[in-house]
C-alpha atoms as a PDB file:
ATOM      1  CA  UNK A   1     225.771  10.485  91.653  1.00  0.00           C
ATOM      2  CA  UNK A   2     226.468   6.744  91.491  1.00  0.00           C
ATOM      3  CA  UNK A   3     226.507   6.477  95.265  1.00  0.00           C
ATOM      4  CA  UNK A   4     223.133   8.248  95.480  1.00  0.00           C
ATOM      5  CA  UNK A   5     221.710   5.862  92.848  1.00  0.00           C
ATOM      6  CA  UNK A   6     222.862   2.851  94.882  1.00  0.00           C
ATOM      7  CA  UNK A   7     221.469   4.325  98.105  1.00  0.00           C
ATOM      8  CA  UNK A   8     218.121   5.024  96.416  1.00  0.00           C
ATOM      9  CA  UNK A   9     217.961   1.462  95.071  1.00  0.00           C
ATOM     10  CA  UNK A  10     218.711   0.014  98.469  1.00  0.00           C
ATOM     11  CA  UNK A  11     216.245   2.357 100.174  1.00  0.00           C
ATOM     12  CA  UNK A  12     213.255   1.347  98.062  1.00  0.00           C
ATOM     13  CA  UNK A  13     214.309  -2.304  97.620  1.00  0.00           C
ATOM     14  CA  UNK A  14     214.607  -2.170  93.829  1.00  0.00           C
ATOM     15  CA  UNK A  15     217.829  -4.186  93.808  1.00  0.00           C
ATOM     16  CA  UNK A  16     216.422  -6.885  96.026  1.00  0.00           C
ATOM     17  CA  UNK A  17     213.197  -7.304  94.057  1.00  0.00           C
ATOM     18  CA  UNK A  18     214.982  -7.595  90.728  1.00  0.00           C
ATOM     19  CA  UNK A  19     217.483 -10.043  92.203  1.00  0.00           C
ATOM     20  CA  UNK A  20     214.721 -12.291  93.514  1.00  0.00           C
ATOM     21  CA  UNK A  21     212.783 -12.823  90.282  1.00  0.00           C
ATOM     22  CA  UNK A  22     215.125 -11.656  87.537  1.00  0.00           C
ATOM     23  CA  UNK A  23     213.080  -8.578  86.519  1.00  0.00           C
ATOM     24  CA  UNK A  24     209.853 -10.563  86.152  1.00  0.00           C
ATOM     25  CA  UNK A  25     206.715  -9.444  87.951  1.00  0.00           C
ATOM     26  CA  UNK A  26     205.403 -12.815  89.084  1.00  0.00           C
ATOM     27  CA  UNK A  27     202.008 -11.361  90.009  1.00  0.00           C
ATOM     28  CA  UNK A  28     201.153 -10.911  86.302  1.00  0.00           C
ATOM     29  CA  UNK A  29     199.557 -13.801  84.395  1.00  0.00           C
ATOM     30  CA  UNK A  30     201.910 -13.537  81.381  1.00  0.00           C
ATOM     31  CA  UNK A  31     204.916 -14.040  83.674  1.00  0.00           C
ATOM     32  CA  UNK A  32     203.525 -17.133  85.366  1.00  0.00           C
ATOM     33  CA  UNK A  33     206.249 -19.739  85.810  1.00  0.00           C
ATOM     34  CA  UNK A  34     209.001 -17.184  85.328  1.00  0.00           C
ATOM     35  CA  UNK A  35     211.135 -15.764  88.080  1.00  0.00           C
ATOM     36  CA  UNK A  36     212.787 -17.485  90.971  1.00  0.00           C
ATOM     37  CA  UNK A  37     216.366 -18.623  91.515  1.00  0.00           C
ATOM     38  CA  UNK A  38     217.091 -19.698  87.911  1.00  0.00           C
ATOM     39  CA  UNK A  39     216.018 -16.373  86.417  1.00  0.00           C
ATOM     40  CA  UNK A  40     217.850 -14.467  89.146  1.00  0.00           C
ATOM     41  CA  UNK A  41     221.036 -16.427  88.339  1.00  0.00           C
ATOM     42  CA  UNK A  42     220.617 -15.721  84.611  1.00  0.00           C
ATOM     43  CA  UNK A  43     220.194 -12.021  85.405  1.00  0.00           C
ATOM     44  CA  UNK A  44     223.351 -12.126  87.537  1.00  0.00           C
ATOM     45  CA  UNK A  45     225.283 -13.791  84.720  1.00  0.00           C
ATOM     46  CA  UNK A  46     224.017 -11.219  82.232  1.00  0.00           C
ATOM     47  CA  UNK A  47     225.012  -8.393  84.564  1.00  0.00           C
ATOM     48  CA  UNK A  48     228.517  -9.776  84.989  1.00  0.00           C
ATOM     49  CA  UNK A  49     229.049 -10.349  81.251  1.00  0.00           C
ATOM     50  CA  UNK A  50     227.866  -6.830  80.424  1.00  0.00           C
ATOM     51  CA  UNK A  51     230.049  -5.276  83.118  1.00  0.00           C
ATOM     52  CA  UNK A  52     233.083  -7.288  82.025  1.00  0.00           C
ATOM     53  CA  UNK A  53     232.546  -6.304  78.402  1.00  0.00           C
ATOM     54  CA  UNK A  54     232.344  -2.636  79.311  1.00  0.00           C
ATOM     55  CA  UNK A  55     235.462  -2.914  81.473  1.00  0.00           C
ATOM     56  CA  UNK A  56     237.406  -4.543  78.631  1.00  0.00           C
ATOM     57  CA  UNK A  57     236.198  -1.936  76.118  1.00  0.00           C
ATOM     58  CA  UNK A  58     237.297   0.904  78.405  1.00  0.00           C
ATOM     59  CA  UNK A  59     240.634  -0.830  78.908  1.00  0.00           C
ATOM     60  CA  UNK A  60     241.141  -1.217  75.145  1.00  0.00           C
ATOM     61  CA  UNK A  61     240.146   2.394  74.485  1.00  0.00           C
ATOM     62  CA  UNK A  62     242.620   3.563  77.141  1.00  0.00           C
ATOM     63  CA  UNK A  63     245.349   1.488  75.517  1.00  0.00           C
ATOM     64  CA  UNK A  64     244.587   3.002  72.112  1.00  0.00           C
ATOM     65  CA  UNK A  65     244.547   6.556  73.440  1.00  0.00           C
ATOM     66  CA  UNK A  66     247.794   6.078  75.377  1.00  0.00           C
ATOM     67  CA  UNK A  67     249.470   4.057  72.558  1.00  0.00           C
ATOM     68  CA  UNK A  68     250.508   1.209  74.848  1.00  0.00           C
ATOM     69  CA  UNK A  69     249.987  -2.506  75.335  1.00  0.00           C
ATOM     70  CA  UNK A  70     246.938  -3.549  77.320  1.00  0.00           C
ATOM     71  CA  UNK A  71     247.198  -5.735  80.399  1.00  0.00           C
ATOM     72  CA  UNK A  72     250.587  -4.684  81.719  1.00  0.00           C
ATOM     73  CA  UNK A  73     249.892  -1.715  84.011  1.00  0.00           C
ATOM     74  CA  UNK A  74     247.871  -0.639  87.054  1.00  0.00           C
ATOM     75  CA  UNK A  75     246.391  -4.000  87.984  1.00  0.00           C
ATOM     76  CA  UNK A  76     245.259  -4.811  84.443  1.00  0.00           C
ATOM     77  CA  UNK A  77     246.915  -8.230  84.669  1.00  0.00           C
ATOM     78  CA  UNK A  78     244.260  -9.232  87.230  1.00  0.00           C
ATOM     79  CA  UNK A  79     241.314  -8.727  84.867  1.00  0.00           C
ATOM     80  CA  UNK A  80     241.071 -12.411  83.782  1.00  0.00           C
ATOM     81  CA  UNK A  81     240.964 -13.435  87.446  1.00  0.00           C
ATOM     82  CA  UNK A  82     238.381 -10.750  88.195  1.00  0.00           C
ATOM     83  CA  UNK A  83     236.174 -11.907  85.317  1.00  0.00           C
ATOM     84  CA  UNK A  84     236.459 -15.585  86.269  1.00  0.00           C
ATOM     85  CA  UNK A  85     235.482 -15.004  89.895  1.00  0.00           C
ATOM     86  CA  UNK A  86     232.748 -12.566  88.856  1.00  0.00           C
ATOM     87  CA  UNK A  87     231.200 -15.065  86.441  1.00  0.00           C
ATOM     88  CA  UNK A  88     231.041 -17.572  89.264  1.00  0.00           C
ATOM     89  CA  UNK A  89     230.091 -15.387  92.218  1.00  0.00           C
ATOM     90  CA  UNK A  90     227.449 -13.060  90.718  1.00  0.00           C
ATOM     91  CA  UNK A  91     225.016 -15.787  89.522  1.00  0.00           C
ATOM     92  CA  UNK A  92     225.555 -17.887  92.658  1.00  0.00           C
ATOM     93  CA  UNK A  93     224.870 -14.911  94.945  1.00  0.00           C
ATOM     94  CA  UNK A  94     221.721 -13.965  93.032  1.00  0.00           C
ATOM     95  CA  UNK A  95     220.440 -17.550  93.009  1.00  0.00           C
ATOM     96  CA  UNK A  96     221.051 -17.985  96.741  1.00  0.00           C
ATOM     97  CA  UNK A  97     219.491 -14.613  97.511  1.00  0.00           C
ATOM     98  CA  UNK A  98     216.437 -15.549  95.458  1.00  0.00           C
ATOM     99  CA  UNK A  99     216.141 -18.928  97.158  1.00  0.00           C
ATOM    100  CA  UNK A 100     216.083 -17.471 100.660  1.00  0.00           C
ATOM    101  CA  UNK A 101     214.221 -14.191 100.108  1.00  0.00           C
ATOM    102  CA  UNK A 102     210.619 -13.731 101.069  1.00  0.00           C
ATOM    103  CA  UNK A 103     208.266 -12.814  98.236  1.00  0.00           C
END
């Protein structure tokens, strides 16, 4: 189901349009001045923070259910590195994409 959702988003361009202007419809008067690379970078940062939070919550819930320490098994020790690179790469990619995309 997730793969079909991604394919549908790529097919109709929904991901690219939201990445360009940060979910703002720049053709509307009330959104004038919004959108562009800064808003796309903020959206990328928000996406990464939300995803990281959900990943950590799932990890903590798994640790509680299995009655074990968190961060010692199955690649869990790499989560801080994953979050650090994600916080850097997601906003930068969105900002660059927005800068070079045609509107």
